[in-house]
Amino acid sequence: MDLLRGSRTLRFGVPMLLLIIGGSFGLREFAQVRYDVQKVKRKMDPALEAQLKKNKDKITLESEYQKLPEPNSDWVNIRGPRPWEDSKAAQEQQRKIQIGNGIK
């Protein structure tokens, strides 16, 4: 008992080291359980997995680009009113700009 009272290293240091090292091993085990559970949840039917891989190969960037609609040439970017601006005045100003540019 005198040994534990006299040496601060044995009294505080050794339990601290045991806690750190033991915690490291404990966390490793908990993490391993987590990854094992995720692996089990990801298991799929082999037939479904093969079908997904087959469909995945067919999709390309070019085929998706072809599906996009043609851009609308009538579209005009109109800015909305700022919080400090009157919305009616801003709309009238935008209409004047559109008429001046020959848009609609």
Protein backbone atom coordinates (compact mmCIF):
# COMPACT_ATOMS: atom_id res chain seq x y z
CA MET A 1 0.00 0.00 0.00
CA ASP A 2 2.93 2.34 0.68
CA LEU A 3 4.17 1.71 -2.80
CA LEU A 4 0.93 3.03 -4.33
CA ARG A 5 0.88 6.13 -2.11
CA GLY A 6 4.48 7.01 -2.71
CA SER A 7 4.66 6.64 -6.47
CA ARG A 8 2.42 8.89 -8.53
CA THR A 9 3.38 6.96 -11.66
CA LEU A 10 1.97 3.71 -10.33
CA ARG A 11 -1.03 5.42 -8.84
CA PHE A 12 -2.11 7.49 -11.89
CA GLY A 13 0.08 6.59 -14.87
CA VAL A 14 -0.41 2.83 -15.06
CA PRO A 15 -4.24 2.98 -14.90
CA MET A 16 -4.18 5.71 -17.54
CA LEU A 17 -2.00 3.65 -19.87
CA LEU A 18 -4.20 0.59 -19.32
CA LEU A 19 -7.27 2.68 -20.14
CA ILE A 20 -5.72 4.05 -23.34
CA ILE A 21 -4.40 0.71 -24.59
CA GLY A 22 -7.52 -1.21 -23.53
CA GLY A 23 -9.75 1.43 -25.13
CA SER A 24 -7.86 1.07 -28.38
CA PHE A 25 -8.47 -2.68 -28.48
CA GLY A 26 -12.10 -2.22 -27.44
CA LEU A 27 -12.77 0.33 -30.17
CA ARG A 28 -11.17 -1.95 -32.73
CA GLU A 29 -13.52 -4.76 -31.78
CA PHE A 30 -16.60 -2.52 -31.88
CA ALA A 31 -15.59 -1.17 -35.29
CA GLN A 32 -15.06 -4.70 -36.61
CA VAL A 33 -18.55 -5.69 -35.49
CA ARG A 34 -19.94 -2.62 -37.26
CA TYR A 35 -18.21 -3.49 -40.55
CA ASP A 36 -19.28 -7.14 -40.30
CA VAL A 37 -22.92 -6.11 -39.86
CA GLN A 38 -22.70 -3.77 -42.87
CA LYS A 39 -21.20 -6.56 -44.97
CA VAL A 40 -24.06 -8.89 -44.07
CA LYS A 41 -26.66 -6.23 -44.88
CA ARG A 42 -25.12 -5.64 -48.31
CA LYS A 43 -25.47 -9.25 -49.40
CA MET A 44 -27.76 -9.44 -52.43
CA ASP A 45 -29.28 -12.18 -54.47
CA PRO A 46 -26.71 -13.19 -57.13
CA ALA A 47 -29.31 -13.04 -59.90
CA LEU A 48 -30.29 -9.49 -58.93
CA GLU A 49 -26.67 -8.44 -58.67
CA ALA A 50 -25.93 -9.81 -62.17
CA GLN A 51 -28.94 -7.97 -63.57
CA LEU A 52 -27.82 -4.69 -61.99
CA LYS A 53 -24.32 -5.08 -63.42
CA LYS A 54 -25.77 -5.79 -66.87
CA ASN A 55 -27.97 -2.67 -66.76
CA LYS A 56 -25.14 -0.56 -65.38
CA ASP A 57 -22.95 -1.25 -68.41
CA LYS A 58 -25.60 -0.01 -70.86
CA ILE A 59 -25.85 3.53 -69.45
CA THR A 60 -23.30 5.99 -70.81
CA LEU A 61 -22.92 9.73 -70.59
CA GLU A 62 -23.60 10.12 -74.30
CA SER A 63 -26.87 8.17 -74.10
CA GLU A 64 -28.04 10.31 -71.17
CA TYR A 65 -27.09 13.48 -73.08
CA GLN A 66 -29.22 12.37 -76.03
CA LYS A 67 -32.25 12.07 -73.72
CA LEU A 68 -32.08 15.76 -72.75
CA PRO A 69 -34.63 18.03 -74.46
CA GLU A 70 -33.54 20.71 -76.89
CA PRO A 71 -32.83 24.05 -75.23
CA ASN A 72 -35.62 26.62 -75.45
CA SER A 73 -34.41 29.66 -77.40
CA ASP A 74 -37.27 31.83 -76.06
CA TRP A 75 -35.95 31.68 -72.51
CA VAL A 76 -34.78 34.98 -70.99
CA ASN A 77 -33.02 35.36 -67.68
CA ILE A 78 -34.98 37.94 -65.66
CA ARG A 79 -33.68 39.12 -62.33
CA GLY A 80 -36.11 39.25 -59.44
CA PRO A 81 -36.49 42.34 -57.28
CA ARG A 82 -34.11 42.89 -54.41
CA PRO A 83 -35.60 43.03 -50.89
CA TRP A 84 -35.22 46.82 -50.78
CA GLU A 85 -36.72 47.37 -54.26
CA ASP A 86 -40.41 47.79 -55.08
CA SER A 87 -41.46 44.68 -57.01
CA LYS A 88 -43.81 46.55 -59.36
CA ALA A 89 -41.13 49.06 -60.31
CA ALA A 90 -38.62 46.27 -60.92
CA GLN A 91 -41.10 44.42 -63.15
CA GLU A 92 -41.81 47.55 -65.19
CA GLN A 93 -38.07 48.14 -65.61
CA GLN A 94 -37.58 44.56 -66.82
CA ARG A 95 -40.45 44.95 -69.32
CA LYS A 96 -38.89 48.14 -70.69
CA ILE A 97 -35.55 46.37 -71.10
CA GLN A 98 -37.23 43.46 -72.93
CA ILE A 99 -39.10 45.78 -75.27
CA GLY A 100 -35.91 47.73 -75.95
CA ASN A 101 -34.06 44.53 -76.85
CA GLY A 102 -36.88 43.39 -79.13
CA ILE A 103 -37.84 40.43 -76.98
CA LYS A 104 -41.53 39.73 -77.07
